[in-house]
């Protein structure tokens, strides 16, 4: 999602992507890793020193899919 990331893929972000974590769809996921089974989500309204949301890592079952429009 972050265009400043070296792993940003604009073409993939044009489609609607959904993330299901432990069986529930999450709408606040900033990063995810399928092989290591984790997601990173904002920790409330807390910001880091660069003004970006402070992220926490949650571990569990991660499923990523393209949403149909």
Protein backbone atom coordinates (compact mmCIF):
# COMPACT_ATOMS: atom_id res chain seq x y z
CA UNK A 1 0.00 0.00 0.00
CA UNK A 2 2.84 2.41 0.77
CA UNK A 3 4.29 3.79 -2.49
CA UNK A 4 7.58 4.58 -0.68
CA UNK A 5 8.18 0.87 -0.04
CA UNK A 6 10.72 -0.88 -2.28
CA UNK A 7 8.23 -3.78 -2.61
CA UNK A 8 5.35 -1.57 -3.81
CA UNK A 9 3.61 -2.95 -6.91
CA UNK A 10 1.22 -0.35 -8.33
CA UNK A 11 -0.35 -2.78 -10.80
CA UNK A 12 -1.32 -5.20 -8.02
CA UNK A 13 -2.74 -2.38 -5.89
CA UNK A 14 -5.13 -1.31 -8.65
CA UNK A 15 -7.23 -4.41 -7.98
CA UNK A 16 -9.13 -4.74 -4.74
CA UNK A 17 -7.16 -7.06 -2.44
CA UNK A 18 -8.67 -8.67 0.64
CA UNK A 19 -6.89 -10.15 3.65
CA UNK A 20 -8.51 -12.74 5.88
CA UNK A 21 -6.73 -13.21 9.23
CA UNK A 22 -7.78 -16.13 11.44
CA UNK A 23 -11.00 -16.48 9.45
CA UNK A 24 -12.04 -12.79 9.67
CA UNK A 25 -11.59 -10.22 6.91
CA UNK A 26 -9.35 -7.32 8.00
CA UNK A 27 -9.44 -3.88 6.39
CA UNK A 28 -6.53 -2.25 8.26
CA UNK A 29 -3.61 -4.47 7.14
CA UNK A 30 -0.47 -2.54 6.12
CA UNK A 31 1.86 -5.52 5.46
CA UNK A 32 1.51 -9.29 5.39
CA UNK A 33 3.60 -12.42 4.88
CA UNK A 34 1.93 -15.65 3.83
CA UNK A 35 4.92 -17.93 4.40
CA UNK A 36 5.68 -16.65 7.92
CA UNK A 37 1.96 -16.21 8.78
CA UNK A 38 1.90 -12.63 10.09
CA UNK A 39 0.24 -9.29 9.38
CA UNK A 40 1.12 -5.76 10.49
CA UNK A 41 -1.66 -3.41 11.56
CA UNK A 42 -1.68 0.11 13.06
CA UNK A 43 -1.52 0.29 16.87
CA UNK A 44 -4.40 2.67 17.45
CA UNK A 45 -3.66 6.33 16.71
CA UNK A 46 0.00 6.11 17.73
CA UNK A 47 2.49 7.55 15.22
CA UNK A 48 6.20 6.91 14.81
CA UNK A 49 8.74 9.75 14.62
CA UNK A 50 8.21 10.09 10.85
CA UNK A 51 4.46 10.59 11.25
CA UNK A 52 3.43 7.16 10.01
CA UNK A 53 1.23 4.79 12.06
CA UNK A 54 3.10 2.61 14.55
CA UNK A 55 2.59 -1.01 13.45
CA UNK A 56 2.21 -4.15 15.55
CA UNK A 57 2.71 -7.69 14.26
CA UNK A 58 -0.01 -10.30 14.72
CA UNK A 59 0.64 -13.99 14.00
CA UNK A 60 -1.94 -16.47 12.76
CA UNK A 61 -3.57 -17.88 9.63
CA UNK A 62 -3.29 -15.42 6.71
CA UNK A 63 -5.27 -15.71 3.48
CA UNK A 64 -5.04 -13.13 0.67
CA UNK A 65 -7.48 -12.90 -2.22
CA UNK A 66 -8.61 -10.59 -5.02
CA UNK A 67 -12.03 -9.10 -4.36
CA UNK A 68 -14.56 -9.12 -7.15
CA UNK A 69 -15.79 -5.69 -8.09
